[in-house]
């Protein structure tokens, strides 16, 4: 059991805890130096997702506009060609 736990943690539990504490202190110091806080990072991801969501739907709206504009030309031509082909048959 201990061997499996050591493999899972990448070392003994005590050594793994010490490594994690040191890494947490270093990362915390760097984040504090740059004025970053966990909530700021979460809010940045949330704002990015919301903006991507909104711009995605705006792009879909533009595609709908293009579809309607193109259909105004393509559908009448399609119907006209079908009528002309129907007369020849």
PDB file of N, CA and C in Angstrom:
ATOM      1  N   UNK A   1       0.826  -1.198   0.000  1.00  0.00           N
ATOM      2  CA  UNK A   1       0.000   0.000   0.000  1.00  0.00           C
ATOM      3  C   UNK A   1       0.870   1.261   0.000  1.00  0.00           C
ATOM      4  N   UNK A   2       1.921   1.269   0.806  1.00  0.00           N
ATOM      5  CA  UNK A   2       2.790   2.438   0.901  1.00  0.00           C
ATOM      6  C   UNK A   2       3.514   2.678  -0.421  1.00  0.00           C
ATOM      7  N   UNK A   3       3.896   1.594  -1.094  1.00  0.00           N
ATOM      8  CA  UNK A   3       4.588   1.736  -2.376  1.00  0.00           C
ATOM      9  C   UNK A   3       3.671   2.376  -3.426  1.00  0.00           C
ATOM     10  N   UNK A   4       2.405   1.970  -3.433  1.00  0.00           N
ATOM     11  CA  UNK A   4       1.439   2.572  -4.355  1.00  0.00           C
ATOM     12  C   UNK A   4       1.215   4.050  -4.053  1.00  0.00           C
ATOM     13  N   UNK A   5       1.153   4.392  -2.768  1.00  0.00           N
ATOM     14  CA  UNK A   5       0.974   5.789  -2.367  1.00  0.00           C
ATOM     15  C   UNK A   5       2.186   6.619  -2.761  1.00  0.00           C
ATOM     16  N   UNK A   6       3.372   6.065  -2.560  1.00  0.00           N
ATOM     17  CA  UNK A   6       4.594   6.782  -2.939  1.00  0.00           C
ATOM     18  C   UNK A   6       4.646   7.018  -4.448  1.00  0.00           C
ATOM     19  N   UNK A   7       4.218   6.020  -5.223  1.00  0.00           N
ATOM     20  CA  UNK A   7       4.179   6.202  -6.682  1.00  0.00           C
ATOM     21  C   UNK A   7       3.173   7.274  -7.071  1.00  0.00           C
ATOM     22  N   UNK A   8       2.018   7.273  -6.391  1.00  0.00           N
ATOM     23  CA  UNK A   8       0.982   8.264  -6.695  1.00  0.00           C
ATOM     24  C   UNK A   8       1.469   9.675  -6.392  1.00  0.00           C
ATOM     25  N   UNK A   9       2.132   9.845  -5.261  1.00  0.00           N
ATOM     26  CA  UNK A   9       2.574  11.182  -4.851  1.00  0.00           C
ATOM     27  C   UNK A   9       3.907  11.589  -5.466  1.00  0.00           C
ATOM     28  N   UNK A  10       4.664  10.639  -6.005  1.00  0.00           N
ATOM     29  CA  UNK A  10       5.976  10.959  -6.565  1.00  0.00           C
ATOM     30  C   UNK A  10       7.057  10.994  -5.501  1.00  0.00           C
ATOM     31  N   UNK A  11       6.826  10.409  -4.388  1.00  0.00           N
ATOM     32  CA  UNK A  11       7.779  10.360  -3.272  1.00  0.00           C
ATOM     33  C   UNK A  11       7.018  10.050  -1.996  1.00  0.00           C
ATOM     34  N   UNK A  12       7.715  10.165  -0.871  1.00  0.00           N
ATOM     35  CA  UNK A  12       7.038   9.911   0.396  1.00  0.00           C
ATOM     36  C   UNK A  12       6.060  11.044   0.681  1.00  0.00           C
ATOM     37  N   UNK A  13       5.029  10.775   1.488  1.00  0.00           N
ATOM     38  CA  UNK A  13       4.055  11.838   1.782  1.00  0.00           C
ATOM     39  C   UNK A  13       4.687  13.077   2.407  1.00  0.00           C
ATOM     40  N   UNK A  14       5.617  12.892   3.346  1.00  0.00           N
ATOM     41  CA  UNK A  14       6.264  14.043   3.986  1.00  0.00           C
ATOM     42  C   UNK A  14       7.051  14.879   3.008  1.00  0.00           C
ATOM     43  N   UNK A  15       7.817  14.216   2.162  1.00  0.00           N
ATOM     44  CA  UNK A  15       8.623  14.935   1.177  1.00  0.00           C
ATOM     45  C   UNK A  15       7.728  15.666   0.176  1.00  0.00           C
ATOM     46  N   UNK A  16       6.643  15.036  -0.234  1.00  0.00           N
ATOM     47  CA  UNK A  16       5.711  15.661  -1.169  1.00  0.00           C
ATOM     48  C   UNK A  16       5.073  16.897  -0.551  1.00  0.00           C
ATOM     49  N   UNK A  17       4.697  16.814   0.718  1.00  0.00           N
ATOM     50  CA  UNK A  17       4.095  17.973   1.401  1.00  0.00           C
ATOM     51  C   UNK A  17       5.090  19.123   1.478  1.00  0.00           C
ATOM     52  N   UNK A  18       6.350  18.829   1.799  1.00  0.00           N
ATOM     53  CA  UNK A  18       7.364  19.886   1.875  1.00  0.00           C
ATOM     54  C   UNK A  18       7.547  20.542   0.503  1.00  0.00           C
ATOM     55  N   UNK A  19       7.622  19.733  -0.568  1.00  0.00           N
ATOM     56  CA  UNK A  19       7.771  20.297  -1.918  1.00  0.00           C
ATOM     57  C   UNK A  19       6.582  21.181  -2.267  1.00  0.00           C
ATOM     58  N   UNK A  20       5.375  20.716  -1.946  1.00  0.00           N
ATOM     59  CA  UNK A  20       4.183  21.516  -2.256  1.00  0.00           C
ATOM     60  C   UNK A  20       4.160  22.822  -1.479  1.00  0.00           C
ATOM     61  N   UNK A  21       4.572  22.801  -0.219  1.00  0.00           N
ATOM     62  CA  UNK A  21       4.596  24.031   0.589  1.00  0.00           C
ATOM     63  C   UNK A  21       5.590  25.022  -0.004  1.00  0.00           C
ATOM     64  N   UNK A  22       6.778  24.551  -0.388  1.00  0.00           N
ATOM     65  CA  UNK A  22       7.790  25.444  -0.965  1.00  0.00           C
ATOM     66  C   UNK A  22       7.282  26.041  -2.273  1.00  0.00           C
ATOM     67  N   UNK A  23       6.703  25.206  -3.137  1.00  0.00           N
ATOM     68  CA  UNK A  23       6.178  25.710  -4.413  1.00  0.00           C
ATOM     69  C   UNK A  23       5.055  26.706  -4.181  1.00  0.00           C
ATOM     70  N   UNK A  24       4.174  26.440  -3.212  1.00  0.00           N
ATOM     71  CA  UNK A  24       3.074  27.369  -2.905  1.00  0.00           C
ATOM     72  C   UNK A  24       3.604  28.716  -2.437  1.00  0.00           C
ATOM     73  N   UNK A  25       4.647  28.718  -1.598  1.00  0.00           N
ATOM     74  CA  UNK A  25       5.218  29.976  -1.116  1.00  0.00           C
ATOM     75  C   UNK A  25       5.842  30.759  -2.271  1.00  0.00           C
ATOM     76  N   UNK A  26       6.575  30.076  -3.155  1.00  0.00           N
ATOM     77  CA  UNK A  26       7.217  30.752  -4.290  1.00  0.00           C
ATOM     78  C   UNK A  26       6.160  31.331  -5.225  1.00  0.00           C
ATOM     79  N   UNK A  27       5.148  30.536  -5.577  1.00  0.00           N
ATOM     80  CA  UNK A  27       4.096  31.015  -6.469  1.00  0.00           C
ATOM     81  C   UNK A  27       3.317  32.155  -5.814  1.00  0.00           C
ATOM     82  N   UNK A  28       3.035  32.034  -4.519  1.00  0.00           N
ATOM     83  CA  UNK A  28       2.344  33.108  -3.802  1.00  0.00           C
ATOM     84  C   UNK A  28       3.141  34.399  -3.806  1.00  0.00           C
ATOM     85  N   UNK A  29       4.461  34.302  -3.612  1.00  0.00           N
ATOM     86  CA  UNK A  29       5.317  35.484  -3.636  1.00  0.00           C
ATOM     87  C   UNK A  29       5.301  36.144  -5.017  1.00  0.00           C
ATOM     88  N   UNK A  30       5.426  35.329  -6.065  1.00  0.00           N
ATOM     89  CA  UNK A  30       5.415  35.869  -7.434  1.00  0.00           C
ATOM     90  C   UNK A  30       4.072  36.526  -7.744  1.00  0.00           C
ATOM     91  N   UNK A  31       2.976  35.874  -7.366  1.00  0.00           N
ATOM     92  CA  UNK A  31       1.651  36.451  -7.623  1.00  0.00           C
ATOM     93  C   UNK A  31       1.466  37.753  -6.857  1.00  0.00           C
ATOM     94  N   UNK A  32       1.940  37.801  -5.611  1.00  0.00           N
ATOM     95  CA  UNK A  32       1.823  39.024  -4.813  1.00  0.00           C
ATOM     96  C   UNK A  32       2.662  40.143  -5.423  1.00  0.00           C
ATOM     97  N   UNK A  33       3.833  39.819  -5.938  1.00  0.00           N
ATOM     98  CA  UNK A  33       4.697  40.808  -6.566  1.00  0.00           C
ATOM     99  C   UNK A  33       4.012  41.447  -7.766  1.00  0.00           C
ATOM    100  N   UNK A  34       3.308  40.633  -8.551  1.00  0.00           N
ATOM    101  CA  UNK A  34       2.624  41.147  -9.738  1.00  0.00           C
ATOM    102  C   UNK A  34       1.211  41.640  -9.432  1.00  0.00           C
ATOM    103  N   UNK A  35       0.777  41.563  -8.191  1.00  0.00           N
ATOM    104  CA  UNK A  35      -0.548  42.040  -7.819  1.00  0.00           C
ATOM    105  C   UNK A  35      -1.672  41.144  -8.312  1.00  0.00           C
ATOM    106  N   UNK A  36      -1.387  39.870  -8.474  1.00  0.00           N
ATOM    107  CA  UNK A  36      -2.399  38.918  -8.918  1.00  0.00           C
ATOM    108  C   UNK A  36      -2.987  38.194  -7.718  1.00  0.00           C
ATOM    109  N   UNK A  37      -4.282  38.034  -7.754  1.00  0.00           N
ATOM    110  CA  UNK A  37      -4.964  37.292  -6.708  1.00  0.00           C
ATOM    111  C   UNK A  37      -5.854  36.249  -7.360  1.00  0.00           C
ATOM    112  N   UNK A  38      -6.078  35.129  -6.661  1.00  0.00           N
ATOM    113  CA  UNK A  38      -6.863  34.047  -7.277  1.00  0.00           C
ATOM    114  C   UNK A  38      -8.216  34.502  -7.806  1.00  0.00           C
ATOM    115  N   UNK A  39      -8.893  35.382  -7.091  1.00  0.00           N
ATOM    116  CA  UNK A  39     -10.198  35.850  -7.547  1.00  0.00           C
ATOM    117  C   UNK A  39     -10.080  36.655  -8.839  1.00  0.00           C
ATOM    118  N   UNK A  40      -8.981  37.403  -9.006  1.00  0.00           N
ATOM    119  CA  UNK A  40      -8.754  38.134 -10.250  1.00  0.00           C
ATOM    120  C   UNK A  40      -8.628  37.171 -11.431  1.00  0.00           C
ATOM    121  N   UNK A  41      -7.932  36.071 -11.209  1.00  0.00           N
ATOM    122  CA  UNK A  41      -7.747  35.087 -12.274  1.00  0.00           C
ATOM    123  C   UNK A  41      -9.082  34.439 -12.631  1.00  0.00           C
ATOM    124  N   UNK A  42      -9.868  34.103 -11.612  1.00  0.00           N
ATOM    125  CA  UNK A  42     -11.185  33.507 -11.854  1.00  0.00           C
ATOM    126  C   UNK A  42     -12.075  34.489 -12.606  1.00  0.00           C
ATOM    127  N   UNK A  43     -12.068  35.748 -12.193  1.00  0.00           N
ATOM    128  CA  UNK A  43     -12.878  36.764 -12.875  1.00  0.00           C
ATOM    129  C   UNK A  43     -12.413  36.977 -14.313  1.00  0.00           C
ATOM    130  N   UNK A  44     -11.091  36.910 -14.549  1.00  0.00           N
ATOM    131  CA  UNK A  44     -10.574  37.060 -15.910  1.00  0.00           C
ATOM    132  C   UNK A  44     -11.085  35.923 -16.799  1.00  0.00           C
ATOM    133  N   UNK A  45     -11.038  34.682 -16.293  1.00  0.00           N
ATOM    134  CA  UNK A  45     -11.562  33.557 -17.066  1.00  0.00           C
ATOM    135  C   UNK A  45     -13.052  33.715 -17.331  1.00  0.00           C
ATOM    136  N   UNK A  46     -13.795  34.165 -16.325  1.00  0.00           N
ATOM    137  CA  UNK A  46     -15.236  34.341 -16.483  1.00  0.00           C
ATOM    138  C   UNK A  46     -15.539  35.417 -17.520  1.00  0.00           C
ATOM    139  N   UNK A  47     -14.863  36.556 -17.431  1.00  0.00           N
ATOM    140  CA  UNK A  47     -15.073  37.629 -18.404  1.00  0.00           C
ATOM    141  C   UNK A  47     -14.685  37.184 -19.812  1.00  0.00           C
ATOM    142  N   UNK A  48     -13.582  36.448 -19.920  1.00  0.00           N
ATOM    143  CA  UNK A  48     -13.153  35.954 -21.235  1.00  0.00           C
ATOM    144  C   UNK A  48     -14.188  35.016 -21.828  1.00  0.00           C
ATOM    145  N   UNK A  49     -14.733  34.128 -21.005  1.00  0.00           N
ATOM    146  CA  UNK A  49     -15.743  33.191 -21.477  1.00  0.00           C
ATOM    147  C   UNK A  49     -17.004  33.920 -21.920  1.00  0.00           C
ATOM    148  N   UNK A  50     -17.450  34.890 -21.115  1.00  0.00           N
ATOM    149  CA  UNK A  50     -18.656  35.648 -21.453  1.00  0.00           C
ATOM    150  C   UNK A  50     -18.447  36.426 -22.745  1.00  0.00           C
ATOM    151  N   UNK A  51     -17.278  37.043 -22.912  1.00  0.00           N
ATOM    152  CA  UNK A  51     -16.995  37.802 -24.133  1.00  0.00           C
ATOM    153  C   UNK A  51     -16.939  36.886 -25.343  1.00  0.00           C
ATOM    154  N   UNK A  52     -16.322  35.730 -25.180  1.00  0.00           N
ATOM    155  CA  UNK A  52     -16.285  34.756 -26.269  1.00  0.00           C
ATOM    156  C   UNK A  52     -17.689  34.286 -26.614  1.00  0.00           C
ATOM    157  N   UNK A  53     -18.508  34.068 -25.607  1.00  0.00           N
ATOM    158  CA  UNK A  53     -19.902  33.643 -25.809  1.00  0.00           C
ATOM    159  C   UNK A  53     -20.670  34.702 -26.604  1.00  0.00           C
ATOM    160  N   UNK A  54     -20.530  35.960 -26.176  1.00  0.00           N
ATOM    161  CA  UNK A  54     -21.248  37.052 -26.854  1.00  0.00           C
ATOM    162  C   UNK A  54     -20.757  37.245 -28.278  1.00  0.00           C
ATOM    163  N   UNK A  55     -19.451  37.241 -28.470  1.00  0.00           N
ATOM    164  CA  UNK A  55     -18.930  37.457 -29.821  1.00  0.00           C
ATOM    165  C   UNK A  55     -19.252  36.270 -30.712  1.00  0.00           C
ATOM    166  N   UNK A  56     -19.333  35.089 -30.142  1.00  0.00           N
ATOM    167  CA  UNK A  56     -19.723  33.918 -30.926  1.00  0.00           C
ATOM    168  C   UNK A  56     -21.127  34.046 -31.457  1.00  0.00           C
ATOM    169  N   UNK A  57     -22.052  34.489 -30.607  1.00  0.00           N
ATOM    170  CA  UNK A  57     -23.425  34.670 -31.056  1.00  0.00           C
ATOM    171  C   UNK A  57     -23.546  35.850 -32.013  1.00  0.00           C
ATOM    172  N   UNK A  58     -22.713  36.850 -31.838  1.00  0.00           N
ATOM    173  CA  UNK A  58     -22.721  37.964 -32.785  1.00  0.00           C
ATOM    174  C   UNK A  58     -22.259  37.477 -34.157  1.00  0.00           C
ATOM    175  N   UNK A  59     -21.255  36.595 -34.160  1.00  0.00           N
ATOM    176  CA  UNK A  59     -20.790  36.036 -35.433  1.00  0.00           C
ATOM    177  C   UNK A  59     -21.891  35.205 -36.077  1.00  0.00           C
ATOM    178  N   UNK A  60     -22.638  34.459 -35.276  1.00  0.00           N
ATOM    179  CA  UNK A  60     -23.750  33.686 -35.822  1.00  0.00           C
ATOM    180  C   UNK A  60     -24.825  34.602 -36.389  1.00  0.00           C
ATOM    181  N   UNK A  61     -25.031  35.742 -35.743  1.00  0.00           N
ATOM    182  CA  UNK A  61     -25.987  36.720 -36.270  1.00  0.00           C
ATOM    183  C   UNK A  61     -25.552  37.243 -37.619  1.00  0.00           C
ATOM    184  N   UNK A  62     -24.253  37.489 -37.778  1.00  0.00           N
ATOM    185  CA  UNK A  62     -23.732  37.943 -39.070  1.00  0.00           C
ATOM    186  C   UNK A  62     -23.894  36.861 -40.129  1.00  0.00           C
ATOM    187  N   UNK A  63     -23.701  35.608 -39.755  1.00  0.00           N
ATOM    188  CA  UNK A  63     -23.884  34.516 -40.705  1.00  0.00           C
ATOM    189  C   UNK A  63     -25.340  34.474 -41.158  1.00  0.00           C
ATOM    190  N   UNK A  64     -26.263  34.704 -40.232  1.00  0.00           N
ATOM    191  CA  UNK A  64     -27.678  34.756 -40.597  1.00  0.00           C
ATOM    192  C   UNK A  64     -27.962  35.882 -41.574  1.00  0.00           C
ATOM    193  N   UNK A  65     -27.327  37.035 -41.355  1.00  0.00           N
ATOM    194  CA  UNK A  65     -27.488  38.154 -42.289  1.00  0.00           C
ATOM    195  C   UNK A  65     -26.968  37.786 -43.670  1.00  0.00           C
ATOM    196  N   UNK A  66     -25.806  37.146 -43.717  1.00  0.00           N
ATOM    197  CA  UNK A  66     -25.242  36.730 -44.999  1.00  0.00           C
ATOM    198  C   UNK A  66     -26.148  35.715 -45.680  1.00  0.00           C
ATOM    199  N   UNK A  67     -26.734  34.818 -44.889  1.00  0.00           N
ATOM    200  CA  UNK A  67     -27.628  33.805 -45.439  1.00  0.00           C
ATOM    201  C   UNK A  67     -28.840  34.452 -46.097  1.00  0.00           C
ATOM    202  N   UNK A  68     -29.430  35.405 -45.428  1.00  0.00           N
ATOM    203  CA  UNK A  68     -30.625  36.072 -45.971  1.00  0.00           C
ATOM    204  C   UNK A  68     -30.261  36.882 -47.220  1.00  0.00           C
ATOM    205  N   UNK A  69     -29.136  37.588 -47.177  1.00  0.00           N
ATOM    206  CA  UNK A  69     -28.720  38.367 -48.349  1.00  0.00           C
ATOM    207  C   UNK A  69     -28.456  37.467 -49.546  1.00  0.00           C
ATOM    208  N   UNK A  70     -27.765  36.374 -49.314  1.00  0.00           N
ATOM    209  CA  UNK A  70     -27.482  35.447 -50.407  1.00  0.00           C
ATOM    210  C   UNK A  70     -28.736  34.767 -50.915  1.00  0.00           C
ATOM    211  N   UNK A  71     -29.643  34.422 -50.011  1.00  0.00           N
ATOM    212  CA  UNK A  71     -30.881  33.752 -50.408  1.00  0.00           C
ATOM    213  C   UNK A  71     -31.742  34.657 -51.263  1.00  0.00           C
ATOM    214  N   UNK A  72     -31.658  35.966 -51.051  1.00  0.00           N
ATOM    215  CA  UNK A  72     -32.452  36.900 -51.846  1.00  0.00           C
ATOM    216  C   UNK A  72     -32.074  36.823 -53.328  1.00  0.00           C
ATOM    217  N   UNK A  73     -30.847  36.413 -53.622  1.00  0.00           N
ATOM    218  CA  UNK A  73     -30.398  36.276 -55.003  1.00  0.00           C
ATOM    219  C   UNK A  73     -30.481  34.819 -55.472  1.00  0.00           C
ATOM    220  N   UNK A  74     -30.001  33.900 -54.643  1.00  0.00           N
ATOM    221  CA  UNK A  74     -29.866  32.503 -55.060  1.00  0.00           C
ATOM    222  C   UNK A  74     -31.214  31.814 -55.244  1.00  0.00           C
ATOM    223  N   UNK A  75     -32.150  32.007 -54.336  1.00  0.00           N
ATOM    224  CA  UNK A  75     -33.438  31.299 -54.404  1.00  0.00           C
ATOM    225  C   UNK A  75     -34.222  31.670 -55.666  1.00  0.00           C
ATOM    226  N   UNK A  76     -34.367  32.951 -55.996  1.00  0.00           N
ATOM    227  CA  UNK A  76     -35.080  33.265 -57.247  1.00  0.00           C
ATOM    228  C   UNK A  76     -34.389  32.696 -58.487  1.00  0.00           C
ATOM    229  N   UNK A  77     -33.062  32.737 -58.536  1.00  0.00           N
ATOM    230  CA  UNK A  77     -32.343  32.161 -59.674  1.00  0.00           C
ATOM    231  C   UNK A  77     -32.572  30.651 -59.721  1.00  0.00           C
ATOM    232  N   UNK A  78     -32.531  29.996 -58.574  1.00  0.00           N
ATOM    233  CA  UNK A  78     -32.771  28.553 -58.502  1.00  0.00           C
ATOM    234  C   UNK A  78     -34.169  28.214 -59.024  1.00  0.00           C
ATOM    235  N   UNK A  79     -35.166  28.968 -58.570  1.00  0.00           N
ATOM    236  CA  UNK A  79     -36.544  28.714 -59.013  1.00  0.00           C
ATOM    237  C   UNK A  79     -36.658  28.955 -60.522  1.00  0.00           C
ATOM    238  N   UNK A  80     -36.056  30.031 -61.015  1.00  0.00           N
ATOM    239  CA  UNK A  80     -36.090  30.327 -62.442  1.00  0.00           C
ATOM    240  C   UNK A  80     -35.442  29.212 -63.261  1.00  0.00           C
ATOM    241  N   UNK A  81     -34.293  28.712 -62.819  1.00  0.00           N
ATOM    242  CA  UNK A  81     -33.627  27.621 -63.528  1.00  0.00           C
ATOM    243  C   UNK A  81     -34.458  26.344 -63.483  1.00  0.00           C
ATOM    244  N   UNK A  82     -35.112  26.079 -62.400  1.00  0.00           N
ATOM    245  CA  UNK A  82     -35.974  24.894 -62.303  1.00  0.00           C
ATOM    246  C   UNK A  82     -37.166  25.008 -63.261  1.00  0.00           C
ATOM    247  N   UNK A  83     -37.729  26.185 -63.334  1.00  0.00           N
ATOM    248  CA  UNK A  83     -38.862  26.388 -64.245  1.00  0.00           C
ATOM    249  C   UNK A  83     -38.398  26.222 -65.693  1.00  0.00           C
ATOM    250  N   UNK A  84     -37.244  26.791 -66.034  1.00  0.00           N
ATOM    251  CA  UNK A  84     -36.719  26.661 -67.391  1.00  0.00           C
ATOM    252  C   UNK A  84     -36.368  25.205 -67.720  1.00  0.00           C
ATOM    253  N   UNK A  85     -35.816  24.481 -66.782  1.00  0.00           N
ATOM    254  CA  UNK A  85     -35.505  23.054 -66.991  1.00  0.00           C
ATOM    255  C   UNK A  85     -36.787  22.223 -67.104  1.00  0.00           C
ATOM    256  N   UNK A  86     -37.799  22.580 -66.384  1.00  0.00           N
ATOM    257  CA  UNK A  86     -39.054  21.845 -66.396  1.00  0.00           C
ATOM    258  C   UNK A  86     -39.738  21.964 -67.766  1.00  0.00           C
ATOM    259  N   UNK A  87     -39.621  23.144 -68.392  1.00  0.00           N
ATOM    260  CA  UNK A  87     -40.198  23.364 -69.715  1.00  0.00           C
ATOM    261  C   UNK A  87     -39.508  22.525 -70.775  1.00  0.00           C
ATOM    262  N   UNK A  88     -38.164  22.331 -70.610  1.00  0.00           N
ATOM    263  CA  UNK A  88     -37.404  21.561 -71.591  1.00  0.00           C
ATOM    264  C   UNK A  88     -37.704  20.062 -71.490  1.00  0.00           C
ATOM    265  N   UNK A  89     -38.083  19.593 -70.358  1.00  0.00           N
ATOM    266  CA  UNK A  89     -38.323  18.155 -70.171  1.00  0.00           C
ATOM    267  C   UNK A  89     -39.598  17.676 -70.742  1.00  0.00           C
TER     268      UNK A  89
END
